[in-house]
C-alpha atoms as a PDB file:
ATOM      1  CA  MET A   1       0.000   0.000   0.000  1.00  0.00           C
ATOM      2  CA  SER A   2       1.421   3.378  -1.005  1.00  0.00           C
ATOM      3  CA  LYS A   3       1.617   6.424   1.225  1.00  0.00           C
ATOM      4  CA  ASN A   4      -1.077   8.161  -0.878  1.00  0.00           C
ATOM      5  CA  ASP A   5      -3.460   5.227  -0.374  1.00  0.00           C
ATOM      6  CA  ALA A   6      -2.842   5.272   3.390  1.00  0.00           C
ATOM      7  CA  ASP A   7      -3.408   9.053   3.506  1.00  0.00           C
ATOM      8  CA  SER A   8      -6.573   8.705   1.447  1.00  0.00           C
ATOM      9  CA  ILE A   9      -7.944   5.997   3.764  1.00  0.00           C
ATOM     10  CA  LYS A  10      -7.077   8.095   6.831  1.00  0.00           C
ATOM     11  CA  LYS A  11      -8.781  11.193   5.365  1.00  0.00           C
ATOM     12  CA  GLU A  12     -11.890   9.178   4.502  1.00  0.00           C
ATOM     13  CA  ARG A  13     -12.014   7.681   8.003  1.00  0.00           C
ATOM     14  CA  ASN A  14     -11.612  11.133   9.625  1.00  0.00           C
ATOM     15  CA  LYS A  15     -14.340  12.489   7.338  1.00  0.00           C
ATOM     16  CA  THR A  16     -16.665   9.655   8.385  1.00  0.00           C
ATOM     17  CA  ILE A  17     -15.922  10.201  12.089  1.00  0.00           C
ATOM     18  CA  ARG A  18     -16.645  13.946  11.757  1.00  0.00           C
ATOM     19  CA  TRP A  19     -19.903  13.143   9.942  1.00  0.00           C
ATOM     20  CA  VAL A  20     -21.019  10.697  12.663  1.00  0.00           C
ATOM     21  CA  ILE A  21     -20.215  13.190  15.443  1.00  0.00           C
ATOM     22  CA  THR A  22     -22.021  15.994  13.571  1.00  0.00           C
ATOM     23  CA  ILE A  23     -25.122  13.845  12.998  1.00  0.00           C
ATOM     24  CA  PHE A  24     -25.081  12.760  16.660  1.00  0.00           C
ATOM     25  CA  LEU A  25     -24.977  16.364  17.924  1.00  0.00           C
ATOM     26  CA  VAL A  26     -27.537  17.634  15.393  1.00  0.00           C
ATOM     27  CA  THR A  27     -29.898  14.790  16.308  1.00  0.00           C
ATOM     28  CA  ILE A  28     -29.653  15.580  20.027  1.00  0.00           C
ATOM     29  CA  PHE A  29     -30.300  19.282  19.418  1.00  0.00           C
ATOM     30  CA  VAL A  30     -33.153  18.851  16.925  1.00  0.00           C
ATOM     31  CA  SER A  31     -34.800  16.035  18.889  1.00  0.00           C
ATOM     32  CA  GLY A  32     -34.647  17.970  22.137  1.00  0.00           C
ATOM     33  CA  THR A  33     -36.004  21.133  20.533  1.00  0.00           C
ATOM     34  CA  ILE A  34     -38.866  19.410  18.709  1.00  0.00           C
ATOM     35  CA  SER A  35     -39.789  17.329  21.775  1.00  0.00           C
ATOM     36  CA  PHE A  36     -39.797  20.380  24.038  1.00  0.00           C
ATOM     37  CA  VAL A  37     -41.838  22.549  21.657  1.00  0.00           C
ATOM     38  CA  SER A  38     -44.372  19.796  20.874  1.00  0.00           C
ATOM     39  CA  ASP A  39     -44.790  18.923  24.580  1.00  0.00           C
ATOM     40  CA  VAL A  40     -45.363  22.568  25.541  1.00  0.00           C
ATOM     41  CA  ILE A  41     -47.844  23.133  22.707  1.00  0.00           C
ATOM     42  CA  MET A  42     -49.669  19.835  23.218  1.00  0.00           C
ATOM     43  CA  GLU A  43     -50.113  20.270  26.964  1.00  0.00           C
ATOM     44  CA  ALA A  44     -51.705  23.685  26.374  1.00  0.00           C
ATOM     45  CA  SER A  45     -53.945  22.417  23.548  1.00  0.00           C
ATOM     46  CA  THR A  46     -57.268  20.669  23.294  1.00  0.00           C
ATOM     47  CA  ILE A  47     -57.301  16.949  22.451  1.00  0.00           C
ATOM     48  CA  TRP A  48     -58.228  17.694  18.811  1.00  0.00           C
ATOM     49  CA  VAL A  49     -55.383  20.189  18.353  1.00  0.00           C
ATOM     50  CA  ALA A  50     -53.010  17.678  19.985  1.00  0.00           C
ATOM     51  CA  PHE A  51     -54.221  15.019  17.496  1.00  0.00           C
ATOM     52  CA  LEU A  52     -53.580  17.456  14.637  1.00  0.00           C
ATOM     53  CA  ILE A  53     -50.030  18.139  15.898  1.00  0.00           C
ATOM     54  CA  LEU A  54     -49.449  14.385  16.178  1.00  0.00           C
ATOM     55  CA  LEU A  55     -50.613  13.880  12.568  1.00  0.00           C
ATOM     56  CA  VAL A  56     -48.289  16.694  11.384  1.00  0.00           C
ATOM     57  CA  ILE A  57     -45.325  15.037  13.147  1.00  0.00           C
ATOM     58  CA  VAL A  58     -46.147  11.640  11.575  1.00  0.00           C
ATOM     59  CA  LEU A  59     -46.641  13.269   8.146  1.00  0.00           C
ATOM     60  CA  LEU A  60     -43.313  15.092   8.462  1.00  0.00           C
ATOM     61  CA  GLY A  61     -41.560  11.762   9.110  1.00  0.00           C
ATOM     62  CA  ILE A  62     -43.257  10.216   6.059  1.00  0.00           C
ATOM     63  CA  ILE A  63     -42.365  13.168   3.786  1.00  0.00           C
ATOM     64  CA  PHE A  64     -38.692  13.077   4.771  1.00  0.00           C
ATOM     65  CA  ASP A  65     -38.653   9.295   4.311  1.00  0.00           C
ATOM     66  CA  ILE A  66     -39.988   9.819   0.772  1.00  0.00           C
ATOM     67  CA  ILE A  67     -37.249  12.394   0.076  1.00  0.00           C
ATOM     68  CA  GLY A  68     -34.527  10.075   1.396  1.00  0.00           C
ATOM     69  CA  VAL A  69     -35.697   7.146  -0.743  1.00  0.00           C
ATOM     70  CA  ALA A  70     -36.138   9.346  -3.839  1.00  0.00           C
ATOM     71  CA  VAL A  71     -32.609  10.734  -3.573  1.00  0.00           C
ATOM     72  CA  THR A  72     -31.093   7.250  -3.316  1.00  0.00           C
ATOM     73  CA  SER A  73     -33.239   6.004  -6.251  1.00  0.00           C
ATOM     74  CA  ALA A  74     -32.871   8.882  -8.724  1.00  0.00           C
ATOM     75  CA  ASP A  75     -30.486   8.980 -11.683  1.00  0.00           C
ATOM     76  CA  GLU A  76     -28.169  11.967 -12.131  1.00  0.00           C
ATOM     77  CA  LYS A  77     -28.365  12.156 -15.951  1.00  0.00           C
ATOM     78  CA  PRO A  78     -31.623  14.148 -16.333  1.00  0.00           C
ATOM     79  CA  PHE A  79     -30.293  16.775 -13.932  1.00  0.00           C
ATOM     80  CA  HIS A  80     -27.114  17.280 -15.985  1.00  0.00           C
ATOM     81  CA  SER A  81     -29.355  18.027 -18.947  1.00  0.00           C
ATOM     82  CA  MET A  82     -31.338  20.478 -16.805  1.00  0.00           C
ATOM     83  CA  ALA A  83     -28.118  22.098 -15.557  1.00  0.00           C
ATOM     84  CA  ALA A  84     -26.923  22.555 -19.163  1.00  0.00           C
ATOM     85  CA  ARG A  85     -30.171  24.430 -19.878  1.00  0.00           C
ATOM     86  CA  LYS A  86     -29.670  26.525 -16.690  1.00  0.00           C
ATOM     87  CA  VAL A  87     -32.850  25.200 -15.048  1.00  0.00           C
ATOM     88  CA  SER A  88     -33.114  26.530 -11.502  1.00  0.00           C
ATOM     89  CA  GLY A  89     -32.472  23.847  -8.907  1.00  0.00           C
ATOM     90  CA  ALA A  90     -30.556  21.515 -11.244  1.00  0.00           C
ATOM     91  CA  GLN A  91     -27.211  22.108  -9.513  1.00  0.00           C
ATOM     92  CA  GLU A  92     -28.841  21.532  -6.130  1.00  0.00           C
ATOM     93  CA  ALA A  93     -30.319  18.253  -7.413  1.00  0.00           C
ATOM     94  CA  ILE A  94     -26.892  17.069  -8.605  1.00  0.00           C
ATOM     95  CA  HIS A  95     -25.423  17.979  -5.230  1.00  0.00           C
ATOM     96  CA  LEU A  96     -28.184  16.016  -3.452  1.00  0.00           C
ATOM     97  CA  LEU A  97     -27.616  12.953  -5.637  1.00  0.00           C
ATOM     98  CA  ARG A  98     -23.834  13.057  -5.237  1.00  0.00           C
ATOM     99  CA  ASN A  99     -24.362  13.106  -1.480  1.00  0.00           C
ATOM    100  CA  ALA A 100     -27.237  10.595  -1.505  1.00  0.00           C
ATOM    101  CA  GLU A 101     -25.843   8.608   1.425  1.00  0.00           C
ATOM    102  CA  ARG A 102     -25.750  11.652   3.682  1.00  0.00           C
ATOM    103  CA  VAL A 103     -29.070  13.030   2.459  1.00  0.00           C
ATOM    104  CA  SER A 104     -30.681   9.646   3.091  1.00  0.00           C
ATOM    105  CA  SER A 105     -29.101   9.489   6.538  1.00  0.00           C
ATOM    106  CA  ILE A 106     -30.464  12.923   7.455  1.00  0.00           C
ATOM    107  CA  CYS A 107     -33.942  12.368   5.976  1.00  0.00           C
ATOM    108  CA  ASN A 108     -34.551   8.733   6.894  1.00  0.00           C
ATOM    109  CA  ASP A 109     -32.544   8.371  10.077  1.00  0.00           C
ATOM    110  CA  VAL A 110     -32.281  11.776  11.732  1.00  0.00           C
ATOM    111  CA  VAL A 111     -35.636  13.353  10.842  1.00  0.00           C
ATOM    112  CA  GLY A 112     -37.509  10.039  10.507  1.00  0.00           C
ATOM    113  CA  ASP A 113     -36.326   8.665  13.834  1.00  0.00           C
ATOM    114  CA  ILE A 114     -36.848  11.982  15.611  1.00  0.00           C
ATOM    115  CA  CYS A 115     -40.430  12.107  14.306  1.00  0.00           C
ATOM    116  CA  GLY A 116     -40.903   8.522  15.519  1.00  0.00           C
ATOM    117  CA  VAL A 117     -39.687   9.358  19.023  1.00  0.00           C
ATOM    118  CA  VAL A 118     -41.613  12.637  19.211  1.00  0.00           C
ATOM    119  CA  SER A 119     -44.830  11.028  17.899  1.00  0.00           C
ATOM    120  CA  GLY A 120     -44.502   8.368  20.625  1.00  0.00           C
ATOM    121  CA  SER A 121     -44.133  11.083  23.245  1.00  0.00           C
ATOM    122  CA  ALA A 122     -47.033  13.024  21.722  1.00  0.00           C
ATOM    123  CA  SER A 123     -49.288   9.959  21.771  1.00  0.00           C
ATOM    124  CA  ALA A 124     -48.493   9.490  25.482  1.00  0.00           C
ATOM    125  CA  THR A 125     -49.434  13.122  26.127  1.00  0.00           C
ATOM    126  CA  ILE A 126     -52.729  12.658  24.261  1.00  0.00           C
ATOM    127  CA  ALA A 127     -53.440   9.455  26.208  1.00  0.00           C
ATOM    128  CA  ALA A 128     -52.926  11.365  29.464  1.00  0.00           C
ATOM    129  CA  GLN A 129     -55.229  14.175  28.257  1.00  0.00           C
ATOM    130  CA  ILE A 130     -57.930  11.647  27.324  1.00  0.00           C
ATOM    131  CA  MET A 131     -57.721  10.084  30.788  1.00  0.00           C
ATOM    132  CA  VAL A 132     -57.942  13.419  32.588  1.00  0.00           C
ATOM    133  CA  LYS A 133     -60.689  14.985  30.459  1.00  0.00           C
ATOM    134  CA  MET A 134     -62.840  11.899  30.083  1.00  0.00           C
ATOM    135  CA  GLU A 135     -62.197  10.545  33.597  1.00  0.00           C
ATOM    136  CA  PHE A 136     -61.176   7.199  32.143  1.00  0.00           C
ATOM    137  CA  SER A 137     -59.019   4.955  34.357  1.00  0.00           C
ATOM    138  CA  GLY A 138     -57.582   2.508  31.789  1.00  0.00           C
ATOM    139  CA  LEU A 139     -54.223   4.184  31.077  1.00  0.00           C
ATOM    140  CA  ALA A 140     -52.742   1.002  29.630  1.00  0.00           C
ATOM    141  CA  VAL A 141     -55.645   0.570  27.197  1.00  0.00           C
ATOM    142  CA  VAL A 142     -55.572   4.203  26.000  1.00  0.00           C
ATOM    143  CA  SER A 143     -51.771   4.168  25.645  1.00  0.00           C
ATOM    144  CA  LEU A 144     -51.903   0.889  23.741  1.00  0.00           C
ATOM    145  CA  ILE A 145     -54.552   2.200  21.338  1.00  0.00           C
ATOM    146  CA  MET A 146     -52.656   5.470  20.772  1.00  0.00           C
ATOM    147  CA  SER A 147     -49.359   3.632  20.160  1.00  0.00           C
ATOM    148  CA  ALA A 148     -51.064   1.244  17.727  1.00  0.00           C
ATOM    149  CA  ILE A 149     -52.657   4.120  15.781  1.00  0.00           C
ATOM    150  CA  VAL A 150     -49.348   6.032  15.539  1.00  0.00           C
ATOM    151  CA  ALA A 151     -47.425   2.911  14.503  1.00  0.00           C
ATOM    152  CA  GLY A 152     -50.067   2.030  11.895  1.00  0.00           C
ATOM    153  CA  LEU A 153     -50.080   5.538  10.413  1.00  0.00           C
ATOM    154  CA  THR A 154     -46.277   5.726  10.360  1.00  0.00           C
ATOM    155  CA  VAL A 155     -45.581   2.273   8.896  1.00  0.00           C
ATOM    156  CA  GLY A 156     -48.498   2.431   6.443  1.00  0.00           C
ATOM    157  CA  GLY A 157     -47.594   5.949   5.347  1.00  0.00           C
ATOM    158  CA  LYS A 158     -43.952   5.067   4.828  1.00  0.00           C
ATOM    159  CA  ALA A 159     -44.859   1.922   2.864  1.00  0.00           C
ATOM    160  CA  VAL A 160     -47.021   3.948   0.467  1.00  0.00           C
ATOM    161  CA  GLY A 161     -44.399   6.713   0.432  1.00  0.00           C
ATOM    162  CA  LYS A 162     -41.550   4.379  -0.540  1.00  0.00           C
ATOM    163  CA  THR A 163     -43.465   3.083  -3.570  1.00  0.00           C
ATOM    164  CA  PHE A 164     -44.290   6.659  -4.596  1.00  0.00           C
ATOM    165  CA  ALA A 165     -40.657   7.755  -4.030  1.00  0.00           C
ATOM    166  CA  ILE A 166     -39.199   4.988  -6.196  1.00  0.00           C
ATOM    167  CA  ASN A 167     -41.711   5.526  -9.017  1.00  0.00           C
ATOM    168  CA  SER A 168     -41.473   9.341  -8.974  1.00  0.00           C
ATOM    169  CA  CYS A 169     -37.894   9.845  -7.776  1.00  0.00           C
ATOM    170  CA  THR A 170     -36.922  12.353 -10.502  1.00  0.00           C
ATOM    171  CA  ASP A 171     -39.985  14.538  -9.880  1.00  0.00           C
ATOM    172  CA  ILE A 172     -39.448  14.451  -6.109  1.00  0.00           C
ATOM    173  CA  VAL A 173     -35.748  15.355  -6.356  1.00  0.00           C
ATOM    174  CA  THR A 174     -36.656  18.151  -8.805  1.00  0.00           C
ATOM    175  CA  ALA A 175     -39.252  19.560  -6.366  1.00  0.00           C
ATOM    176  CA  VAL A 176     -36.886  19.336  -3.372  1.00  0.00           C
ATOM    177  CA  SER A 177     -34.011  20.922  -5.307  1.00  0.00           C
ATOM    178  CA  LYS A 178     -36.282  23.807  -6.374  1.00  0.00           C
ATOM    179  CA  VAL A 179     -37.223  24.391  -2.729  1.00  0.00           C
ATOM    180  CA  ILE A 180     -33.528  24.395  -1.768  1.00  0.00           C
ATOM    181  CA  TYR A 181     -32.759  26.769  -4.666  1.00  0.00           C
ATOM    182  CA  SER A 182     -35.544  29.129  -3.521  1.00  0.00           C
ATOM    183  CA  LEU A 183     -34.278  29.064   0.082  1.00  0.00           C
ATOM    184  CA  LYS A 184     -30.782  29.934  -1.139  1.00  0.00           C
ATOM    185  CA  GLN A 185     -32.194  33.015  -2.909  1.00  0.00           C
ATOM    186  CA  ILE A 186     -33.666  34.470   0.314  1.00  0.00           C
ATOM    187  CA  PRO A 187     -30.422  36.174   1.540  1.00  0.00           C
ATOM    188  CA  ASP A 188     -29.939  37.849  -1.871  1.00  0.00           C
ATOM    189  CA  PHE A 189     -33.579  38.954  -1.877  1.00  0.00           C
ATOM    190  CA  LEU A 190     -33.224  40.437   1.629  1.00  0.00           C
ATOM    191  CA  LYS A 191     -30.013  42.282   0.648  1.00  0.00           C
ATOM    192  CA  LYS A 192     -31.757  43.802  -2.383  1.00  0.00           C
ATOM    193  CA  LYS A 193     -34.715  44.798  -0.201  1.00  0.00           C
ATOM    194  CA  LYS A 194     -32.438  46.605   2.279  1.00  0.00           C
ATOM    195  CA  ARG A 195     -31.001  48.710  -0.551  1.00  0.00           C
END
């Protein structure tokens, strides 16, 4: 093994370690923030609003799962053609596809798992609200029903989402890349507005 090969392996390993540490810290921060905010909002809400928040959390997990699968399934070639024609978002799409492993990790693992944990916590909060407001004493039954509903919605939604993501991967990556492109334009827009 040459010195260049050894250096290359070492750089790749250091890059991977930095990525794992970054994902670990981001996950802790995002999970803590989302859990705290959802708990505060849900405890101050009615049961129906709490249900709506729970559905939004589950839907968010499904949407990011779809994005993660689409990015790993899509082909780069159509986006090179779009980039040659200067289509907005094409460069962002290429960047997403060239970093598919990391994008998938963020979408499927970080956001997906956080939504799973937070939806579990949210369902427990709703179960407690149901018991208090309806003076029902079967905590285990209510918790079991809530957990089953959340699991069913999450697993069923992701199953449908994966099929959709694989069949429409190019369209999904195009839509996501256009959103990213638009978000990148916000600082320039704000600078122009200040002038």
